[in-house]
Structure formats: C-alpha cells, structure tokens
Amino acid sequence: MITTFAMTLLADAPRQSGPDFGKASPAGLVVTLLLLIAVVALVWSMNKHLRRLPESFDPEHPEPDQAVDDGTVGGVDSVETEAESKSKDA
C-alpha cells in the first residue's frame, strides 16, 4: 500500500531534463572560492593576533580595588588627617 502511494507520487513528479538541467553557473564557483579565501585569511589573521597575546591577563602586582582607590570604602581619603581635624576645631 505504501509503496503504491510512493510510486504514484514519484510518477506524478515533474521531470526536469531540459538542456540547462544540472548545470551550475561559473559565478557560483567564483563566489565560493572568494568566500573560502576570505575565511582562510581571517583565520590566519586571528591566529597571528592570538599568538601575540600574553599567557595570562592577571596583573603582576595586584592593585587594591577601585572602590578603595576612590575613597568610598575605608580608603586613605575617607580618614581625616590631623590638619583637617585641627582646621575644623578652630
């Protein structure tokens, strides 16, 4: 039953057997080759740039957090100096 149905569908399918059937345009080959060349060039360039990167981006001498640098979290700027306290008292 299924094979009969499949054969009916295949028999009713349009036949493509004209003079241009199965021929590809040379422009498609040119576009494909250009895209392949572009991909190879991009991969080569990326590898060249990746080789220049350091092994690790960790700093050699770690610095304190930015919040401490800004004086917002118990940094040096948040502590009053003696000169500031004397000027406030006077």
PDB file of N, CA and C in Angstrom:
ATOM      1  N   MET A   1       0.815  -1.184   0.000  1.00  0.00           N
ATOM      2  CA  MET A   1       0.000   0.000   0.000  1.00  0.00           C
ATOM      3  C   MET A   1       0.864   1.255   0.000  1.00  0.00           C
ATOM      4  N   ILE A   2       1.852   1.291   0.911  1.00  0.00           N
ATOM      5  CA  ILE A   2       2.714   2.470   0.989  1.00  0.00           C
ATOM      6  C   ILE A   2       3.570   2.596  -0.267  1.00  0.00           C
ATOM      7  N   THR A   3       4.039   1.488  -0.770  1.00  0.00           N
ATOM      8  CA  THR A   3       4.871   1.555  -1.973  1.00  0.00           C
ATOM      9  C   THR A   3       4.057   2.019  -3.174  1.00  0.00           C
ATOM     10  N   THR A   4       2.806   1.641  -3.255  1.00  0.00           N
ATOM     11  CA  THR A   4       1.953   2.094  -4.353  1.00  0.00           C
ATOM     12  C   THR A   4       1.741   3.595  -4.277  1.00  0.00           C
ATOM     13  N   PHE A   5       1.522   4.097  -3.058  1.00  0.00           N
ATOM     14  CA  PHE A   5       1.335   5.532  -2.870  1.00  0.00           C
ATOM     15  C   PHE A   5       2.613   6.295  -3.222  1.00  0.00           C
ATOM     16  N   ALA A   6       3.758   5.770  -2.805  1.00  0.00           N
ATOM     17  CA  ALA A   6       5.039   6.422  -3.104  1.00  0.00           C
ATOM     18  C   ALA A   6       5.308   6.406  -4.601  1.00  0.00           C
ATOM     19  N   MET A   7       5.018   5.325  -5.272  1.00  0.00           N
ATOM     20  CA  MET A   7       5.238   5.243  -6.715  1.00  0.00           C
ATOM     21  C   MET A   7       4.329   6.221  -7.454  1.00  0.00           C
ATOM     22  N   THR A   8       3.119   6.420  -6.956  1.00  0.00           N
ATOM     23  CA  THR A   8       2.202   7.375  -7.578  1.00  0.00           C
ATOM     24  C   THR A   8       2.741   8.785  -7.453  1.00  0.00           C
ATOM     25  N   LEU A   9       3.268   9.120  -6.269  1.00  0.00           N
ATOM     26  CA  LEU A   9       3.845  10.458  -6.070  1.00  0.00           C
ATOM     27  C   LEU A   9       5.068  10.680  -6.952  1.00  0.00           C
ATOM     28  N   LEU A  10       5.912   9.665  -7.052  1.00  0.00           N
ATOM     29  CA  LEU A  10       7.119   9.802  -7.869  1.00  0.00           C
ATOM     30  C   LEU A  10       6.786   9.870  -9.354  1.00  0.00           C
ATOM     31  N   ALA A  11       5.773   9.159  -9.789  1.00  0.00           N
ATOM     32  CA  ALA A  11       5.394   9.154 -11.200  1.00  0.00           C
ATOM     33  C   ALA A  11       4.789  10.492 -11.609  1.00  0.00           C
ATOM     34  N   ASP A  12       4.101  11.159 -10.659  1.00  0.00           N
ATOM     35  CA  ASP A  12       3.472  12.440 -10.973  1.00  0.00           C
ATOM     36  C   ASP A  12       4.432  13.625 -10.843  1.00  0.00           C
ATOM     37  N   ALA A  13       5.638  13.402 -10.361  1.00  0.00           N
ATOM     38  CA  ALA A  13       6.592  14.489 -10.175  1.00  0.00           C
ATOM     39  C   ALA A  13       7.019  15.048 -11.532  1.00  0.00           C
ATOM     40  N   PRO A  14       7.192  16.355 -11.622  1.00  0.00           N
ATOM     41  CA  PRO A  14       7.636  16.926 -12.898  1.00  0.00           C
ATOM     42  C   PRO A  14       9.052  16.486 -13.236  1.00  0.00           C
ATOM     43  N   ARG A  15       9.285  16.246 -14.464  1.00  0.00           N
ATOM     44  CA  ARG A  15      10.608  15.801 -14.922  1.00  0.00           C
ATOM     45  C   ARG A  15      11.419  17.019 -15.358  1.00  0.00           C
ATOM     46  N   GLN A  16      12.601  17.131 -14.780  1.00  0.00           N
ATOM     47  CA  GLN A  16      13.493  18.243 -15.117  1.00  0.00           C
ATOM     48  C   GLN A  16      14.619  17.677 -15.971  1.00  0.00           C
ATOM     49  N   SER A  17      14.470  17.757 -17.248  1.00  0.00           N
ATOM     50  CA  SER A  17      15.508  17.196 -18.114  1.00  0.00           C
ATOM     51  C   SER A  17      15.798  18.114 -19.288  1.00  0.00           C
ATOM     52  N   GLY A  18      15.665  19.441 -19.037  1.00  0.00           N
ATOM     53  CA  GLY A  18      15.934  20.398 -20.103  1.00  0.00           C
ATOM     54  C   GLY A  18      17.423  20.513 -20.372  1.00  0.00           C
ATOM     55  N   PRO A  19      17.799  21.354 -21.358  1.00  0.00           N
ATOM     56  CA  PRO A  19      19.211  21.470 -21.717  1.00  0.00           C
ATOM     57  C   PRO A  19      20.058  22.097 -20.602  1.00  0.00           C
ATOM     58  N   ASP A  20      19.453  22.900 -19.706  1.00  0.00           N
ATOM     59  CA  ASP A  20      20.226  23.539 -18.639  1.00  0.00           C
ATOM     60  C   ASP A  20      20.123  22.817 -17.303  1.00  0.00           C
ATOM     61  N   PHE A  21      19.465  21.672 -17.276  1.00  0.00           N
ATOM     62  CA  PHE A  21      19.287  20.955 -16.018  1.00  0.00           C
ATOM     63  C   PHE A  21      20.617  20.402 -15.522  1.00  0.00           C
ATOM     64  N   GLY A  22      20.951  20.712 -14.249  1.00  0.00           N
ATOM     65  CA  GLY A  22      22.157  20.167 -13.641  1.00  0.00           C
ATOM     66  C   GLY A  22      23.406  20.975 -13.895  1.00  0.00           C
ATOM     67  N   LYS A  23      23.300  22.086 -14.599  1.00  0.00           N
ATOM     68  CA  LYS A  23      24.486  22.897 -14.879  1.00  0.00           C
ATOM     69  C   LYS A  23      24.547  24.047 -13.880  1.00  0.00           C
ATOM     70  N   ALA A  24      25.716  24.282 -13.357  1.00  0.00           N
ATOM     71  CA  ALA A  24      25.907  25.372 -12.405  1.00  0.00           C
ATOM     72  C   ALA A  24      26.623  26.521 -13.105  1.00  0.00           C
ATOM     73  N   SER A  25      26.374  27.694 -12.610  1.00  0.00           N
ATOM     74  CA  SER A  25      26.999  28.880 -13.181  1.00  0.00           C
ATOM     75  C   SER A  25      28.443  28.994 -12.683  1.00  0.00           C
ATOM     76  N   PRO A  26      29.358  29.443 -13.530  1.00  0.00           N
ATOM     77  CA  PRO A  26      30.740  29.663 -13.072  1.00  0.00           C
ATOM     78  C   PRO A  26      30.821  30.773 -12.013  1.00  0.00           C
ATOM     79  N   ALA A  27      29.833  31.663 -11.995  1.00  0.00           N
ATOM     80  CA  ALA A  27      29.840  32.722 -10.990  1.00  0.00           C
ATOM     81  C   ALA A  27      29.696  32.132  -9.585  1.00  0.00           C
ATOM     82  N   GLY A  28      28.953  31.069  -9.442  1.00  0.00           N
ATOM     83  CA  GLY A  28      28.816  30.414  -8.144  1.00  0.00           C
ATOM     84  C   GLY A  28      30.137  29.861  -7.646  1.00  0.00           C
ATOM     85  N   LEU A  29      30.925  29.300  -8.558  1.00  0.00           N
ATOM     86  CA  LEU A  29      32.249  28.791  -8.193  1.00  0.00           C
ATOM     87  C   LEU A  29      33.158  29.933  -7.759  1.00  0.00           C
ATOM     88  N   VAL A  30      33.103  31.041  -8.479  1.00  0.00           N
ATOM     89  CA  VAL A  30      33.949  32.195  -8.149  1.00  0.00           C
ATOM     90  C   VAL A  30      33.567  32.741  -6.771  1.00  0.00           C
ATOM     91  N   VAL A  31      32.282  32.880  -6.504  1.00  0.00           N
ATOM     92  CA  VAL A  31      31.835  33.386  -5.198  1.00  0.00           C
ATOM     93  C   VAL A  31      32.271  32.434  -4.091  1.00  0.00           C
ATOM     94  N   THR A  32      32.118  31.148  -4.295  1.00  0.00           N
ATOM     95  CA  THR A  32      32.515  30.163  -3.295  1.00  0.00           C
ATOM     96  C   THR A  32      34.013  30.229  -3.027  1.00  0.00           C
ATOM     97  N   LEU A  33      34.811  30.324  -4.074  1.00  0.00           N
ATOM     98  CA  LEU A  33      36.265  30.421  -3.889  1.00  0.00           C
ATOM     99  C   LEU A  33      36.656  31.703  -3.168  1.00  0.00           C
ATOM    100  N   LEU A  34      36.001  32.815  -3.490  1.00  0.00           N
ATOM    101  CA  LEU A  34      36.302  34.079  -2.805  1.00  0.00           C
ATOM    102  C   LEU A  34      35.952  33.993  -1.318  1.00  0.00           C
ATOM    103  N   LEU A  35      34.831  33.368  -1.014  1.00  0.00           N
ATOM    104  CA  LEU A  35      34.462  33.207   0.383  1.00  0.00           C
ATOM    105  C   LEU A  35      35.450  32.301   1.121  1.00  0.00           C
ATOM    106  N   LEU A  36      35.898  31.242   0.489  1.00  0.00           N
ATOM    107  CA  LEU A  36      36.890  30.362   1.109  1.00  0.00           C
ATOM    108  C   LEU A  36      38.207  31.093   1.355  1.00  0.00           C
ATOM    109  N   ILE A  37      38.637  31.892   0.388  1.00  0.00           N
ATOM    110  CA  ILE A  37      39.870  32.671   0.551  1.00  0.00           C
ATOM    111  C   ILE A  37      39.714  33.664   1.700  1.00  0.00           C
ATOM    112  N   ALA A  38      38.558  34.302   1.797  1.00  0.00           N
ATOM    113  CA  ALA A  38      38.316  35.264   2.880  1.00  0.00           C
ATOM    114  C   ALA A  38      38.349  34.568   4.240  1.00  0.00           C
ATOM    115  N   VAL A  39      37.753  33.396   4.344  1.00  0.00           N
ATOM    116  CA  VAL A  39      37.747  32.666   5.615  1.00  0.00           C
ATOM    117  C   VAL A  39      39.171  32.264   6.000  1.00  0.00           C
ATOM    118  N   VAL A  40      39.936  31.773   5.064  1.00  0.00           N
ATOM    119  CA  VAL A  40      41.324  31.375   5.348  1.00  0.00           C
ATOM    120  C   VAL A  40      42.132  32.590   5.801  1.00  0.00           C
ATOM    121  N   ALA A  41      41.950  33.740   5.142  1.00  0.00           N
ATOM    122  CA  ALA A  41      42.679  34.952   5.524  1.00  0.00           C
ATOM    123  C   ALA A  41      42.282  35.417   6.919  1.00  0.00           C
ATOM    124  N   LEU A  42      41.007  35.344   7.245  1.00  0.00           N
ATOM    125  CA  LEU A  42      40.559  35.757   8.570  1.00  0.00           C
ATOM    126  C   LEU A  42      41.083  34.830   9.664  1.00  0.00           C
ATOM    127  N   VAL A  43      41.087  33.544   9.420  1.00  0.00           N
ATOM    128  CA  VAL A  43      41.608  32.590  10.404  1.00  0.00           C
ATOM    129  C   VAL A  43      43.107  32.803  10.591  1.00  0.00           C
ATOM    130  N   TRP A  44      43.826  33.028   9.532  1.00  0.00           N
ATOM    131  CA  TRP A  44      45.273  33.279   9.616  1.00  0.00           C
ATOM    132  C   TRP A  44      45.547  34.540  10.420  1.00  0.00           C
ATOM    133  N   SER A  45      44.795  35.597  10.152  1.00  0.00           N
ATOM    134  CA  SER A  45      44.972  36.853  10.868  1.00  0.00           C
ATOM    135  C   SER A  45      44.625  36.697  12.345  1.00  0.00           C
ATOM    136  N   MET A  46      43.550  35.984  12.645  1.00  0.00           N
ATOM    137  CA  MET A  46      43.155  35.777  14.036  1.00  0.00           C
ATOM    138  C   MET A  46      44.225  34.995  14.787  1.00  0.00           C
ATOM    139  N   ASN A  47      44.762  33.964  14.180  1.00  0.00           N
ATOM    140  CA  ASN A  47      45.820  33.181  14.825  1.00  0.00           C
ATOM    141  C   ASN A  47      47.060  34.033  15.067  1.00  0.00           C
ATOM    142  N   LYS A  48      47.382  34.896  14.126  1.00  0.00           N
ATOM    143  CA  LYS A  48      48.543  35.785  14.274  1.00  0.00           C
ATOM    144  C   LYS A  48      48.340  36.715  15.464  1.00  0.00           C
ATOM    145  N   HIS A  49      47.139  37.257  15.618  1.00  0.00           N
ATOM    146  CA  HIS A  49      46.858  38.152  16.736  1.00  0.00           C
ATOM    147  C   HIS A  49      46.812  37.393  18.060  1.00  0.00           C
ATOM    148  N   LEU A  50      46.285  36.180  18.046  1.00  0.00           N
ATOM    149  CA  LEU A  50      46.200  35.395  19.277  1.00  0.00           C
ATOM    150  C   LEU A  50      47.577  34.976  19.776  1.00  0.00           C
ATOM    151  N   ARG A  51      48.520  34.761  18.884  1.00  0.00           N
ATOM    152  CA  ARG A  51      49.878  34.408  19.297  1.00  0.00           C
ATOM    153  C   ARG A  51      50.551  35.554  20.033  1.00  0.00           C
ATOM    154  N   ARG A  52      50.144  36.792  19.765  1.00  0.00           N
ATOM    155  CA  ARG A  52      50.759  37.961  20.403  1.00  0.00           C
ATOM    156  C   ARG A  52      50.216  38.220  21.807  1.00  0.00           C
ATOM    157  N   LEU A  53      49.110  37.581  22.176  1.00  0.00           N
ATOM    158  CA  LEU A  53      48.520  37.813  23.488  1.00  0.00           C
ATOM    159  C   LEU A  53      49.370  37.193  24.583  1.00  0.00           C
ATOM    160  N   PRO A  54      49.347  37.805  25.770  1.00  0.00           N
ATOM    161  CA  PRO A  54      50.100  37.203  26.880  1.00  0.00           C
ATOM    162  C   PRO A  54      49.431  35.918  27.356  1.00  0.00           C
ATOM    163  N   GLU A  55      50.195  35.121  28.108  1.00  0.00           N
ATOM    164  CA  GLU A  55      49.666  33.866  28.637  1.00  0.00           C
ATOM    165  C   GLU A  55      48.487  34.116  29.564  1.00  0.00           C
ATOM    166  N   SER A  56      48.598  35.177  30.369  1.00  0.00           N
ATOM    167  CA  SER A  56      47.548  35.476  31.340  1.00  0.00           C
ATOM    168  C   SER A  56      47.384  36.988  31.429  1.00  0.00           C
ATOM    169  N   PHE A  57      46.166  37.428  31.723  1.00  0.00           N
ATOM    170  CA  PHE A  57      45.906  38.851  31.870  1.00  0.00           C
ATOM    171  C   PHE A  57      45.929  39.270  33.341  1.00  0.00           C
ATOM    172  N   ASP A  58      46.356  38.373  34.229  1.00  0.00           N
ATOM    173  CA  ASP A  58      46.458  38.727  35.638  1.00  0.00           C
ATOM    174  C   ASP A  58      47.577  39.753  35.809  1.00  0.00           C
ATOM    175  N   PRO A  59      47.348  40.808  36.619  1.00  0.00           N
ATOM    176  CA  PRO A  59      48.403  41.808  36.816  1.00  0.00           C
ATOM    177  C   PRO A  59      49.556  41.221  37.628  1.00  0.00           C
ATOM    178  N   GLU A  60      50.771  41.683  37.346  1.00  0.00           N
ATOM    179  CA  GLU A  60      51.941  41.190  38.069  1.00  0.00           C
ATOM    180  C   GLU A  60      51.900  41.650  39.523  1.00  0.00           C
ATOM    181  N   HIS A  61      51.501  42.895  39.724  1.00  0.00           N
ATOM    182  CA  HIS A  61      51.392  43.458  41.061  1.00  0.00           C
ATOM    183  C   HIS A  61      49.945  43.873  41.263  1.00  0.00           C
ATOM    184  N   PRO A  62      49.166  43.045  41.927  1.00  0.00           N
ATOM    185  CA  PRO A  62      47.743  43.380  42.071  1.00  0.00           C
ATOM    186  C   PRO A  62      47.559  44.684  42.839  1.00  0.00           C
ATOM    187  N   GLU A  63      46.671  45.507  42.340  1.00  0.00           N
ATOM    188  CA  GLU A  63      46.376  46.778  42.981  1.00  0.00           C
ATOM    189  C   GLU A  63      45.091  46.639  43.773  1.00  0.00           C
ATOM    190  N   PRO A  64      44.874  47.545  44.749  1.00  0.00           N
ATOM    191  CA  PRO A  64      43.630  47.464  45.511  1.00  0.00           C
ATOM    192  C   PRO A  64      42.416  47.695  44.630  1.00  0.00           C
ATOM    193  N   ASP A  65      41.272  47.367  45.170  1.00  0.00           N
ATOM    194  CA  ASP A  65      40.030  47.536  44.418  1.00  0.00           C
ATOM    195  C   ASP A  65      39.806  48.996  44.062  1.00  0.00           C
ATOM    196  N   GLN A  66      39.009  49.214  43.046  1.00  0.00           N
ATOM    197  CA  GLN A  66      38.708  50.574  42.596  1.00  0.00           C
ATOM    198  C   GLN A  66      37.956  51.353  43.661  1.00  0.00           C
ATOM    199  N   ALA A  67      37.098  50.682  44.434  1.00  0.00           N
ATOM    200  CA  ALA A  67      36.337  51.368  45.478  1.00  0.00           C
ATOM    201  C   ALA A  67      37.276  51.963  46.513  1.00  0.00           C
ATOM    202  N   VAL A  68      38.332  51.244  46.861  1.00  0.00           N
ATOM    203  CA  VAL A  68      39.300  51.768  47.814  1.00  0.00           C
ATOM    204  C   VAL A  68      40.069  52.925  47.188  1.00  0.00           C
ATOM    205  N   ASP A  69      40.386  52.824  45.897  1.00  0.00           N
ATOM    206  CA  ASP A  69      41.090  53.908  45.212  1.00  0.00           C
ATOM    207  C   ASP A  69      40.270  55.184  45.208  1.00  0.00           C
ATOM    208  N   ASP A  70      38.958  55.062  45.095  1.00  0.00           N
ATOM    209  CA  ASP A  70      38.099  56.239  45.057  1.00  0.00           C
ATOM    210  C   ASP A  70      37.832  56.805  46.440  1.00  0.00           C
ATOM    211  N   GLY A  71      38.193  56.092  47.478  1.00  0.00           N
ATOM    212  CA  GLY A  71      37.971  56.561  48.829  1.00  0.00           C
ATOM    213  C   GLY A  71      36.573  56.311  49.324  1.00  0.00           C
ATOM    214  N   THR A  72      35.834  55.426  48.686  1.00  0.00           N
ATOM    215  CA  THR A  72      34.455  55.184  49.106  1.00  0.00           C
ATOM    216  C   THR A  72      34.346  54.081  50.144  1.00  0.00           C
ATOM    217  N   VAL A  73      35.371  53.245  50.281  1.00  0.00           N
ATOM    218  CA  VAL A  73      35.300  52.139  51.221  1.00  0.00           C
ATOM    219  C   VAL A  73      36.555  52.140  52.083  1.00  0.00           C
ATOM    220  N   GLY A  74      36.541  52.906  53.143  1.00  0.00           N
ATOM    221  CA  GLY A  74      37.631  52.882  54.121  1.00  0.00           C
ATOM    222  C   GLY A  74      39.010  53.135  53.564  1.00  0.00           C
ATOM    223  N   GLY A  75      39.111  53.858  52.496  1.00  0.00           N
ATOM    224  CA  GLY A  75      40.415  54.157  51.921  1.00  0.00           C
ATOM    225  C   GLY A  75      41.088  55.295  52.651  1.00  0.00           C
ATOM    226  N   VAL A  76      42.233  55.727  52.180  1.00  0.00           N
ATOM    227  CA  VAL A  76      43.009  56.795  52.792  1.00  0.00           C
ATOM    228  C   VAL A  76      42.233  58.103  52.751  1.00  0.00           C
ATOM    229  N   ASP A  77      41.477  58.352  51.714  1.00  0.00           N
ATOM    230  CA  ASP A  77      40.753  59.602  51.577  1.00  0.00           C
ATOM    231  C   ASP A  77      39.610  59.721  52.580  1.00  0.00           C
ATOM    232  N   SER A  78      39.101  58.614  53.079  1.00  0.00           N
ATOM    233  CA  SER A  78      37.959  58.683  53.992  1.00  0.00           C
ATOM    234  C   SER A  78      38.392  58.947  55.432  1.00  0.00           C
ATOM    235  N   VAL A  79      39.674  58.802  55.753  1.00  0.00           N
ATOM    236  CA  VAL A  79      40.183  59.042  57.098  1.00  0.00           C
ATOM    237  C   VAL A  79      40.631  60.497  57.182  1.00  0.00           C
ATOM    238  N   GLU A  80      40.191  61.186  58.220  1.00  0.00           N
ATOM    239  CA  GLU A  80      40.581  62.583  58.374  1.00  0.00           C
ATOM    240  C   GLU A  80      42.045  62.665  58.797  1.00  0.00           C
ATOM    241  N   THR A  81      42.738  63.589  58.229  1.00  0.00           N
ATOM    242  CA  THR A  81      44.115  63.825  58.651  1.00  0.00           C
ATOM    243  C   THR A  81      44.117  64.779  59.826  1.00  0.00           C
ATOM    244  N   GLU A  82      45.244  64.907  60.502  1.00  0.00           N
ATOM    245  CA  GLU A  82      45.344  65.779  61.667  1.00  0.00           C
ATOM    246  C   GLU A  82      45.112  67.230  61.281  1.00  0.00           C
ATOM    247  N   ALA A  83      45.603  67.639  60.107  1.00  0.00           N
ATOM    248  CA  ALA A  83      45.456  69.023  59.695  1.00  0.00           C
ATOM    249  C   ALA A  83      43.987  69.359  59.444  1.00  0.00           C
ATOM    250  N   GLU A  84      43.230  68.431  58.873  1.00  0.00           N
ATOM    251  CA  GLU A  84      41.812  68.676  58.632  1.00  0.00           C
ATOM    252  C   GLU A  84      41.035  68.763  59.942  1.00  0.00           C
ATOM    253  N   SER A  85      41.376  67.913  60.901  1.00  0.00           N
ATOM    254  CA  SER A  85      40.652  67.925  62.155  1.00  0.00           C
ATOM    255  C   SER A  85      40.951  69.214  62.945  1.00  0.00           C
ATOM    256  N   LYS A  86      42.180  69.734  62.869  1.00  0.00           N
ATOM    257  CA  LYS A  86      42.542  70.964  63.559  1.00  0.00           C
ATOM    258  C   LYS A  86      41.820  72.152  62.936  1.00  0.00           C
ATOM    259  N   SER A  87      41.705  72.176  61.593  1.00  0.00           N
ATOM    260  CA  SER A  87      41.032  73.293  60.945  1.00  0.00           C
ATOM    261  C   SER A  87      39.528  73.307  61.254  1.00  0.00           C
ATOM    262  N   LYS A  88      38.936  72.125  61.467  1.00  0.00           N
ATOM    263  CA  LYS A  88      37.526  72.061  61.821  1.00  0.00           C
ATOM    264  C   LYS A  88      37.290  72.544  63.249  1.00  0.00           C
ATOM    265  N   ASP A  89      38.235  72.240  64.143  1.00  0.00           N
ATOM    266  CA  ASP A  89      38.091  72.630  65.543  1.00  0.00           C
ATOM    267  C   ASP A  89      38.261  74.139  65.723  1.00  0.00           C
ATOM    268  N   ALA A  90      39.027  74.767  64.893  1.00  0.00           N
ATOM    269  CA  ALA A  90      39.324  76.192  65.076  1.00  0.00           C
ATOM    270  C   ALA A  90      38.242  77.108  64.665  1.00  0.00           C
TER     271      ALA A  90
END
